[in-house]
Protein backbone atom coordinates (compact mmCIF):
# COMPACT_ATOMS: atom_id res chain seq x y z
CA MET A 1 -20.40 -38.80 0.64
CA ARG A 2 -20.13 -36.76 3.40
CA PHE A 3 -18.09 -34.02 2.00
CA ASN A 4 -15.48 -32.19 4.86
CA GLU A 5 -11.63 -30.87 4.16
CA ARG A 6 -10.41 -34.24 4.92
CA SER A 7 -12.62 -36.46 3.07
CA ILE A 8 -12.14 -34.21 -0.08
CA ASN A 9 -7.97 -33.91 0.31
CA SER A 10 -8.50 -37.72 0.78
CA LEU A 11 -10.05 -38.27 -2.66
CA THR A 12 -7.42 -39.43 -5.23
CA PHE A 13 -7.67 -39.74 -8.81
CA THR A 14 -8.01 -43.50 -9.72
CA GLY A 15 -7.20 -44.40 -13.61
CA SER A 16 -10.81 -42.30 -14.84
CA PRO A 17 -13.18 -39.21 -13.87
CA ARG A 18 -15.62 -40.52 -11.32
CA LYS A 19 -17.86 -38.41 -9.05
CA TYR A 20 -19.02 -38.41 -5.34
CA ALA A 21 -22.59 -37.35 -4.21
CA ASP A 22 -23.02 -34.99 -1.23
CA THR A 23 -25.59 -37.16 0.17
CA GLY A 24 -23.78 -35.90 4.11
CA GLN A 25 -25.74 -33.55 6.53
CA GLY A 26 -26.24 -30.31 5.09
CA GLY A 27 -26.38 -32.00 1.71
CA VAL A 28 -27.67 -30.42 -1.18
CA GLN A 29 -29.33 -32.42 -4.38
CA GLY A 30 -27.72 -32.67 -7.22
CA LEU A 31 -24.27 -31.42 -5.75
CA HIS A 32 -21.20 -33.54 -6.89
CA MET A 33 -17.55 -33.50 -6.69
CA ARG A 34 -15.75 -34.78 -9.98
CA VAL A 35 -12.18 -36.15 -9.81
CA SER A 36 -9.87 -36.04 -12.30
CA LYS A 37 -6.60 -36.31 -13.50
CA ASN A 38 -5.47 -32.80 -12.93
CA ALA A 39 -8.47 -31.01 -10.45
CA LYS A 40 -11.08 -31.63 -8.12
CA THR A 41 -14.42 -29.96 -9.67
CA TRP A 42 -17.80 -28.95 -7.78
CA THR A 43 -20.77 -30.09 -10.75
CA TYR A 44 -24.41 -29.97 -10.04
CA ARG A 45 -26.63 -31.80 -11.87
CA TYR A 46 -30.40 -31.74 -12.97
CA ARG A 47 -32.95 -32.07 -14.81
CA PHE A 48 -35.36 -29.50 -17.63
CA ASP A 49 -37.28 -30.56 -20.53
CA GLY A 50 -36.79 -34.10 -19.41
CA LYS A 51 -33.33 -33.98 -20.38
CA ALA A 52 -29.78 -34.45 -17.88
CA HIS A 53 -27.84 -31.61 -17.23
CA TRP A 54 -24.33 -31.03 -15.45
CA GLN A 55 -23.16 -27.20 -14.82
CA LYS A 56 -19.45 -26.78 -13.36
CA LEU A 57 -19.79 -24.59 -10.50
CA GLY A 58 -15.80 -24.23 -10.04
CA GLU A 59 -12.73 -26.21 -7.95
CA TRP A 60 -11.57 -26.93 -5.14
CA PRO A 61 -10.18 -25.55 -2.87
CA ALA A 62 -11.00 -22.24 -4.50
CA CYS A 63 -14.80 -23.10 -4.43
CA THR A 64 -15.29 -23.92 -0.87
CA ILE A 65 -18.10 -25.93 0.34
CA GLY A 66 -20.21 -23.97 1.74
CA LYS A 67 -19.53 -21.67 -1.67
CA ALA A 68 -20.69 -24.72 -4.08
CA ARG A 69 -23.83 -25.85 -2.26
CA GLU A 70 -24.90 -22.03 -1.64
CA LYS A 71 -24.52 -22.26 -5.92
CA ALA A 72 -26.33 -25.24 -5.98
CA ARG A 73 -29.18 -24.18 -3.69
CA ASP A 74 -29.59 -20.92 -5.81
CA PHE A 75 -29.77 -23.51 -8.99
CA ALA A 76 -32.65 -25.52 -7.52
CA THR A 77 -34.40 -21.96 -6.76
CA GLN A 78 -34.20 -21.26 -10.92
CA LEU A 79 -35.22 -24.71 -11.39
CA GLU A 80 -38.41 -24.16 -8.99
CA ASP A 81 -39.32 -20.50 -11.06
CA GLY A 82 -39.31 -22.43 -14.40
CA PHE A 83 -35.55 -21.47 -15.31
CA ASN A 84 -33.16 -23.70 -17.06
CA PRO A 85 -29.83 -22.19 -14.38
CA LYS A 86 -27.17 -22.99 -17.40
CA ALA A 87 -29.12 -20.66 -19.79
CA ILE A 88 -29.17 -17.99 -17.22
CA GLY A 89 -25.49 -18.05 -16.13
CA ASP A 90 -24.56 -18.22 -19.83
CA SER A 91 -26.55 -15.44 -20.51
CA ALA A 92 -23.42 -13.03 -20.40
CA PRO A 93 -19.81 -13.23 -22.01
CA LYS A 94 -17.66 -14.61 -19.90
CA ALA A 95 -13.89 -13.00 -19.83
CA THR A 96 -10.63 -14.26 -19.71
CA PHE A 97 -8.06 -13.67 -17.33
CA GLY A 98 -6.79 -10.62 -18.85
CA GLU A 99 -9.73 -9.32 -19.41
CA LEU A 100 -10.54 -8.97 -15.60
CA LEU A 101 -6.81 -7.57 -15.53
CA ASP A 102 -7.07 -4.98 -17.44
CA ALA A 103 -11.33 -4.07 -16.02
CA TYR A 104 -9.26 -3.77 -12.44
CA PHE A 105 -6.69 -1.57 -13.57
CA ARG A 106 -9.02 1.02 -15.74
CA ASP A 107 -11.03 1.02 -12.30
CA LEU A 108 -7.81 1.60 -10.23
CA GLN A 109 -7.10 5.04 -13.45
CA LYS A 110 -10.86 5.84 -12.45
CA ARG A 111 -10.13 5.82 -8.45
CA ASP A 112 -6.98 7.55 -9.26
CA ALA A 113 -4.78 5.50 -7.15
CA LYS A 114 -1.66 6.69 -6.30
CA SER A 115 0.23 3.39 -7.34
CA ILE A 116 -1.32 3.25 -10.74
CA LYS A 117 2.13 3.16 -12.58
CA CYS A 118 3.42 0.30 -10.15
CA GLN A 119 0.15 -1.58 -11.03
CA ALA A 120 0.66 -0.88 -14.81
CA VAL A 121 4.17 -2.81 -14.49
CA ASN A 122 2.56 -5.52 -12.11
CA ASN A 123 0.05 -5.78 -14.93
CA ALA A 124 2.28 -6.24 -18.00
CA ARG A 125 4.07 -9.18 -15.83
CA VAL A 126 1.81 -11.54 -16.69
CA GLN A 127 2.27 -13.18 -19.65
CA GLU A 128 0.36 -13.27 -22.84
CA LYS A 129 -0.20 -17.06 -22.39
CA TYR A 130 -2.23 -16.81 -18.89
CA ARG A 131 -4.29 -14.07 -20.19
CA VAL A 132 -5.86 -15.93 -22.55
CA ILE A 133 -7.19 -18.18 -19.81
CA PRO A 134 -11.10 -17.85 -18.86
CA ALA A 135 -11.18 -16.24 -15.52
CA SER A 136 -12.92 -18.71 -13.95
CA GLU A 137 -10.99 -21.29 -14.80
CA VAL A 138 -7.22 -19.68 -13.31
CA THR A 139 -6.41 -21.67 -9.76
CA PRO A 140 -3.77 -21.66 -8.15
CA ALA A 141 -1.55 -23.62 -10.41
CA VAL A 142 -2.10 -20.83 -13.00
CA ILE A 143 -0.75 -18.02 -10.53
CA HIS A 144 2.03 -20.00 -9.81
CA GLY A 145 3.54 -20.23 -13.02
CA ILE A 146 3.15 -16.34 -13.44
CA LEU A 147 4.64 -15.69 -10.41
CA HIS A 148 7.58 -18.37 -11.19
CA HIS A 149 8.19 -16.76 -13.94
CA VAL A 150 9.07 -13.61 -12.24
CA ALA A 151 11.05 -15.16 -9.34
CA VAL A 152 13.35 -17.61 -11.26
CA GLU A 153 13.53 -16.54 -14.61
CA ARG A 154 13.10 -12.89 -14.64
CA GLY A 155 15.50 -13.61 -11.10
CA THR A 156 13.13 -10.61 -8.85
CA PRO A 157 11.08 -12.07 -6.28
CA THR A 158 10.23 -9.11 -4.84
CA LEU A 159 8.74 -8.19 -7.96
CA ALA A 160 6.55 -11.67 -7.67
CA ASN A 161 4.99 -10.23 -4.18
CA ARG A 162 3.78 -7.41 -5.87
CA VAL A 163 2.60 -9.33 -8.73
CA ARG A 164 0.98 -11.62 -6.83
CA THR A 165 -0.98 -8.80 -4.63
CA PHE A 166 -1.78 -7.42 -7.56
CA ILE A 167 -3.62 -10.77 -9.36
CA SER A 168 -5.27 -10.83 -5.54
CA SER A 169 -6.77 -7.60 -5.34
CA ALA A 170 -7.94 -8.04 -8.86
CA PHE A 171 -9.58 -11.03 -8.28
CA ASN A 172 -11.09 -9.87 -5.08
CA TRP A 173 -12.27 -6.88 -7.13
CA ALA A 174 -14.00 -9.22 -9.34
CA VAL A 175 -16.12 -11.15 -6.77
CA ARG A 176 -17.93 -7.99 -6.01
CA GLU A 177 -18.47 -6.76 -9.69
CA GLU A 178 -19.89 -10.13 -10.42
CA TYR A 179 -22.42 -10.12 -7.80
CA ASN A 180 -22.79 -6.80 -7.48
CA PRO A 181 -27.42 -5.68 -7.46
CA LEU A 182 -26.44 -2.77 -9.66
CA ARG A 183 -24.44 -4.76 -12.78
CA GLN A 184 -26.92 -5.26 -16.13
CA ARG A 185 -26.94 -8.73 -17.44
CA ASN A 186 -25.54 -7.93 -20.50
CA GLU A 187 -22.16 -6.42 -19.42
CA LEU A 188 -19.26 -8.50 -19.70
CA SER A 189 -19.18 -11.37 -16.79
CA PHE A 190 -15.77 -12.89 -15.07
CA GLY A 191 -17.38 -15.89 -13.72
CA VAL A 192 -15.28 -15.74 -10.62
CA ALA A 193 -16.29 -17.20 -7.40
CA GLY A 194 -13.43 -17.10 -5.73
CA ASN A 195 -9.85 -15.58 -5.50
CA PRO A 196 -7.28 -18.63 -6.17
CA ALA A 197 -4.55 -16.41 -5.69
CA ARG A 198 -5.46 -16.01 -1.43
CA ASP A 199 -3.96 -20.14 -1.73
CA VAL A 200 -0.53 -18.90 -3.33
CA PRO A 201 2.14 -17.81 -0.71
CA LYS A 202 4.10 -15.13 -0.61
CA ILE A 203 8.10 -15.51 -1.03
CA ALA A 204 9.13 -14.02 2.44
CA SER A 205 12.85 -14.39 1.62
CA ALA A 206 11.73 -11.40 -1.14
CA GLU A 207 9.91 -9.37 2.41
CA ARG A 208 13.21 -8.95 4.48
CA PRO A 209 12.36 -5.92 7.19
CA SER A 210 14.33 -2.94 7.17
CA SER A 211 17.23 -3.20 9.68
CA VAL A 212 18.47 0.32 9.32
CA GLU A 213 17.39 2.16 12.73
CA LEU A 214 18.00 5.53 12.77
CA THR A 215 19.15 8.06 15.54
CA MET A 216 18.08 11.86 16.02
CA GLU A 217 21.68 12.07 15.73
CA GLN A 218 21.60 11.57 12.64
CA ALA A 219 18.64 13.29 11.53
CA ALA A 220 20.16 16.17 13.49
CA ALA A 221 23.22 16.26 11.59
CA VAL A 222 20.98 16.30 8.23
CA TRP A 223 19.51 19.33 9.82
CA VAL A 224 22.43 21.18 10.36
CA HIS A 225 24.70 20.67 7.20
CA ALA A 226 21.71 20.59 4.63
CA ASP A 227 22.31 24.01 4.23
CA ASP A 228 25.50 23.08 2.52
CA TYR A 229 24.31 21.41 -0.75
CA ASN A 230 24.00 23.35 -3.61
CA SER A 231 20.31 23.33 -4.23
CA VAL A 232 18.55 25.79 -1.72
CA THR A 233 15.12 23.96 -2.50
CA THR A 234 16.33 20.89 -2.12
CA SER A 235 17.75 21.28 0.89
CA LEU A 236 14.45 22.91 2.55
CA ALA A 237 12.39 20.08 1.19
CA ALA A 238 14.77 17.81 3.25
CA LYS A 239 14.54 20.01 6.38
CA PHE A 240 10.99 20.56 5.72
CA HIS A 241 10.10 16.23 5.78
CA ILE A 242 12.06 16.22 9.05
CA ALA A 243 9.96 19.38 10.43
CA CYS A 244 6.69 17.70 9.33
CA GLY A 245 7.68 14.73 12.38
CA GLY A 246 6.69 11.36 10.51
CA ILE A 247 4.52 12.20 7.27
CA ARG A 248 4.81 10.42 4.40
CA MET A 249 7.77 11.62 2.12
CA PHE A 250 5.17 12.32 -0.63
CA ASP A 251 2.83 13.84 1.36
CA SER A 252 5.57 16.20 2.50
CA LEU A 253 7.23 17.02 -0.35
CA HIS A 254 3.82 17.44 -3.27
CA ARG A 255 2.48 20.40 -1.88
CA ARG A 256 1.15 23.20 -3.66
CA TRP A 257 0.74 26.48 -2.37
CA ASP A 258 -2.73 26.97 -2.15
CA GLY A 259 -3.04 23.74 0.15
CA LEU A 260 -1.86 25.84 2.85
CA GLN A 261 -4.95 27.01 5.27
CA GLN A 262 -5.56 28.49 8.58
CA ILE A 263 -7.93 27.02 10.95
CA GLU A 264 -8.69 27.87 14.32
CA HIS A 265 -8.51 25.99 17.02
CA GLU A 266 -9.17 26.88 20.35
CA GLY A 267 -8.81 30.14 20.05
CA GLU A 268 -5.49 30.12 17.69
CA LEU A 269 -4.96 30.11 14.37
CA VAL A 270 -3.34 26.91 13.44
CA THR A 271 -1.73 26.65 9.86
CA VAL A 272 -2.02 23.57 8.20
CA ILE A 273 -1.68 21.52 4.93
CA VAL A 274 -4.31 20.00 3.72
CA ILE A 275 -4.12 16.95 1.52
CA PRO A 276 -6.58 16.01 -0.43
CA ASN A 277 -5.89 12.28 -1.61
CA ASP A 278 -3.76 10.65 0.75
CA LYS A 279 -2.22 7.17 0.09
CA MET A 280 -6.18 5.68 1.36
CA GLY A 281 -8.04 7.70 -0.98
CA ARG A 282 -9.11 10.50 1.70
CA GLU A 283 -8.69 14.03 2.86
CA ARG A 284 -6.47 14.88 5.46
CA VAL A 285 -5.38 17.72 7.64
CA VAL A 286 -1.36 18.44 9.00
CA PRO A 287 -0.90 20.47 11.31
CA LEU A 288 2.45 22.43 11.43
CA GLY A 289 5.15 23.16 13.73
CA ARG A 290 7.68 26.15 14.62
CA HIS A 291 10.43 24.73 12.91
CA ALA A 292 7.92 23.86 9.16
CA LEU A 293 6.60 27.69 9.45
CA GLU A 294 9.64 29.03 9.43
CA ILE A 295 10.70 26.81 6.56
CA ILE A 296 7.92 28.13 4.24
CA GLU A 297 8.95 31.93 5.41
CA GLU A 298 11.98 31.16 3.79
CA LEU A 299 11.22 29.43 1.11
CA ARG A 300 8.23 31.63 0.08
CA ALA A 301 10.55 33.96 -1.00
CA ILE A 302 12.30 31.71 -3.40
CA THR A 303 9.11 29.63 -4.84
CA GLY A 304 6.59 31.70 -3.48
CA ASP A 305 5.49 32.43 -7.51
CA ARG A 306 5.08 28.99 -8.25
CA GLU A 307 2.24 26.62 -8.36
CA VAL A 308 4.10 23.96 -6.07
CA MET A 309 6.02 24.53 -2.41
CA PHE A 310 8.85 22.67 -3.58
CA PRO A 311 9.14 22.95 -7.76
CA ALA A 312 11.41 20.46 -9.52
CA ARG A 313 14.54 22.03 -11.40
CA SER A 314 12.95 21.63 -14.96
CA SER A 315 9.73 22.74 -14.16
CA ASN A 316 7.86 25.10 -12.18
CA THR A 317 4.57 22.64 -11.78
CA GLN A 318 6.26 19.39 -11.26
CA PRO A 319 7.45 18.75 -7.47
CA ILE A 320 10.69 17.68 -6.65
CA SER A 321 11.23 14.17 -6.99
CA THR A 322 12.21 11.74 -3.73
CA ILE A 323 15.02 11.04 -5.50
CA ALA A 324 16.53 13.97 -5.65
CA VAL A 325 16.45 14.32 -1.43
CA GLY A 326 18.33 11.42 -1.77
CA GLN A 327 20.96 12.57 -4.38
CA MET A 328 21.05 15.03 -1.40
CA THR A 329 21.63 13.19 1.51
CA ARG A 330 24.53 10.92 0.02
CA LYS A 331 26.59 13.82 -1.20
CA LEU A 332 25.98 15.16 2.45
CA GLN A 333 27.12 11.06 3.82
CA THR A 334 30.42 11.92 1.87
CA LYS A 335 31.72 14.59 3.85
CA TYR A 336 29.60 14.01 6.78
CA PRO A 337 29.94 10.36 7.78
CA VAL A 338 28.08 10.77 10.95
CA ILE A 339 25.00 10.52 9.12
CA GLY A 340 25.47 6.80 8.19
CA ASP A 341 22.21 5.20 6.40
CA TYR A 342 19.96 8.11 6.41
CA SER A 343 17.00 7.84 4.55
CA SER A 344 14.17 9.76 4.27
CA ARG A 345 11.78 7.18 4.53
CA TYR A 346 12.82 6.13 7.60
CA ILE A 347 12.04 9.69 9.10
CA ARG A 348 8.69 8.36 9.92
CA LYS A 349 9.73 5.16 12.17
CA LEU A 350 12.21 7.53 14.23
CA ALA A 351 9.59 9.87 15.15
CA ALA A 352 7.11 7.23 16.15
CA THR A 353 9.86 5.90 18.34
CA GLU A 354 10.72 9.32 19.79
CA LEU A 355 7.76 10.37 20.48
CA ASN A 356 6.24 7.23 22.17
CA ASN A 357 9.46 7.44 24.41
CA ALA A 358 8.45 10.83 25.06
CA GLY A 359 4.91 9.71 26.68
CA VAL A 360 3.20 10.83 23.43
CA ASP A 361 -0.14 8.79 22.70
CA ARG A 362 -0.12 5.85 20.10
CA LEU A 363 -3.24 7.18 18.82
CA SER A 364 -2.32 10.63 18.42
CA ILE A 365 0.76 9.77 16.48
CA ASP A 366 -0.95 7.02 14.12
CA LYS A 367 -3.29 9.88 13.73
CA LEU A 368 -0.18 12.73 12.61
CA HIS A 369 0.88 9.72 10.27
CA GLY A 370 -2.75 9.25 8.58
CA ARG A 371 -1.98 5.04 9.69
CA PHE A 372 -4.88 3.27 9.14
CA ILE A 373 -6.00 2.77 12.53
CA LYS A 374 -9.05 1.11 14.73
CA SER A 375 -11.85 2.64 16.62
CA HIS A 376 -11.11 2.19 20.13
CA ASN A 377 -15.00 2.05 20.72
CA PRO A 378 -15.41 -1.41 22.63
CA VAL A 379 -18.54 -1.55 20.53
CA SER A 380 -17.68 -1.39 17.25
CA GLU A 381 -13.59 -2.72 15.54
CA ARG A 382 -15.03 -0.91 12.23
CA HIS A 383 -12.42 0.84 10.89
CA TYR A 384 -12.45 4.76 10.91
CA PHE A 385 -10.23 7.68 9.71
CA ARG A 386 -11.27 11.27 10.66
CA GLY A 387 -8.34 14.18 9.22
CA HIS A 388 -9.44 17.07 11.51
CA ASP A 389 -8.44 16.14 15.02
CA LEU A 390 -6.46 18.55 15.70
CA HIS A 391 -6.67 18.56 19.17
CA LEU A 392 -5.04 14.90 19.01
CA THR A 393 -1.73 16.07 16.30
CA LEU A 394 -1.54 19.49 17.38
CA PRO A 395 0.46 18.44 20.43
CA VAL A 396 2.50 15.53 19.07
CA VAL A 397 4.06 18.49 16.62
CA ARG A 398 4.73 20.48 19.06
CA GLU A 399 6.18 17.73 20.87
CA TRP A 400 8.26 16.92 17.97
CA ASP A 401 9.72 20.05 17.70
CA SER A 402 11.00 19.81 21.05
CA LEU A 403 12.68 16.84 20.40
CA LEU A 404 14.32 18.32 16.93
CA ASP A 405 15.30 21.16 19.34
CA GLN A 406 17.42 19.42 22.16
CA ALA A 407 18.51 16.65 18.99
CA VAL A 408 20.12 19.73 17.09
CA GLU A 409 21.64 21.42 20.26
CA ASP A 410 23.07 18.31 21.50
CA TYR A 411 24.45 17.42 17.67
CA VAL A 412 25.78 21.54 17.50
CA LYS A 413 28.28 20.96 20.49
CA LYS A 414 29.06 17.41 19.37
CA PHE A 415 29.92 18.41 16.11
CA GLU A 416 32.11 21.77 17.09
CA SER A 417 33.72 19.92 20.22
CA GLY A 418 35.12 17.34 17.43
CA LYS A 419 33.99 14.61 19.28
CA GLY A 420 31.43 11.64 17.61
CA THR A 421 32.55 13.31 13.63
CA ARG A 422 35.05 12.04 11.68
CA ALA A 423 35.11 15.25 8.86
CA SER A 424 37.80 15.84 7.44
CA GLN A 425 41.07 17.67 8.64
CA GLU A 426 40.84 20.86 6.41
CA ARG A 427 37.52 20.93 8.09
CA ASP A 428 38.29 20.79 11.65
CA GLU A 429 41.35 23.05 10.67
CA THR A 430 38.64 25.85 9.57
CA CYS A 431 36.62 25.31 13.01
CA ARG A 432 39.74 26.05 15.18
CA THR A 433 40.34 29.30 13.01
CA LEU A 434 37.15 30.47 13.30
CA ARG A 435 37.06 29.44 17.06
CA ARG A 436 40.42 31.43 17.46
CA ALA A 437 38.81 34.17 15.55
CA CYS A 438 36.10 34.70 17.37
CA ASN A 439 38.50 34.30 20.84
CA SER A 440 40.40 36.73 20.18
CA PRO A 441 40.31 40.66 21.40
């Protein structure tokens, strides 16, 4: 039979399992497609020591036509060399699905991945009845059962998407490990040849993009009124994140004093923060603008004797959490409604939009924000990242300082005039009293 996607999909179960030989162009002698009630399986038939053997290669569509033929050719080569392919393939114990996931999780721990806590939750969501299945026998139907339990029975479709991504990454990692030339034969074998999670779609309705669009006025309002909060460290942390021009909140708040450095650039010393292990696992250098340096000078008198720049209230060594900054902005929203739906995680999008509107090159903005960008080299589209491009990132930070200056100035004028804000009458009366006092002779 000539195998292609259309012909294979047309094969149906007729009451008993049936095998179809690969006899078309490019076919491999001995390769068969076995059609049973529940699956379509690639098998390889060969003779060794005068006996016939059948070797399972994988299930369609996880194991494609090309992969099945490649495996069959590898088996034929082993037969020519005098080896029994089945004996070689069975020389290492096969891992279960749970062992594959646990091995991938240990690899994440070894690499000190920042998402380790979230991945631990995703790993725990795979039920035990699925974990005992051999990894090589996991099909899209199995993964569907796992995700259906999380999305429908537990009522968490967004988490189901996270679990799917975790499983997909685990299988991709297992395939790389399976065919790693440095791997020993006596080590645990996963026995996988593809990624069955690739054929399971995400739940699109659970991944709605945010409709929140921050404005410079909201950012300026937080900047101006952050000093009203009862925690100086928290208010400075929120302002420092804004001043950094859109880098990830984790990267701006989880900084140590010894991470501040000065780098000579075009005849001047530039103060930078060194992020040793950002989200992509690479070292990155972020230059600090005028506003960020002013905050650091104010902060040094408060937490300069601590290990971290923004310590938590209960610890001198642990940094402040992003939740604490969120609580601050929510309290400010009740007093200053102009802040609206402000959230620190949207500063990144706001900065990128405003800087782009100001004529800043998008490549430079992406460099500052640490996005995974592509080379503009026409010869290659290979991904790359360099963290010390101060000639690109420093002008971006300085332009952001200018935009922030203008936004704060405009907001202060608007606030003092009483336009565009619904602050309490008590505060309005206080502002009028202060203005009369300032104007009186």
